[in-house]
Amino acid sequence: QVQLVESGGGLVQAGGSLRLSCAASGRTFSMYFMGWFRQAPGKERELVATIGWRTGRIVYADSVEGRFAISRDNAKNTMLLQMNSLIPEDTAVYHCAATVTNWTGVPRRPGEYDYWGQGTQVTVSS
């Protein structure tokens, strides 16, 4: 089992920045990828960014490329998401997720992740 707890959401004006943090505990040594997903009202949950826990390989959604930066600290079992140049379309509940399955390729779909945090709200005002 892996437990995930997010923090760092909030309300920010367009153009501002926020940093999200995800603290992992439990069998973290079994993780292959950790990712950030978001879900806006009435929309499907979508991948924001994911990082290989062992390899450091990173994939971003096109919508956040160049504005967001994902990173990890294996020693602290923590994953971060630095979000810059925020726009109202970034408003959503952001979830941290982890997979303990060694998928072929980079896991991008919610169904490919085994563990989820409770989510943290990010609201960007115009």
Foldseek 3Di string as FASTA:
>chain_A
DKAKAKDWADEEAAQAKTKMKIAIDDPLVLWQKKFKWWDDPPDDIFTAKMAGLPPRDIDGDPVQPPFKDWDDDNVRRMIMIIGGRDDQVVWTWMKMFTASDPDDDDDTDPVRTDDIYPTDTHGYHD
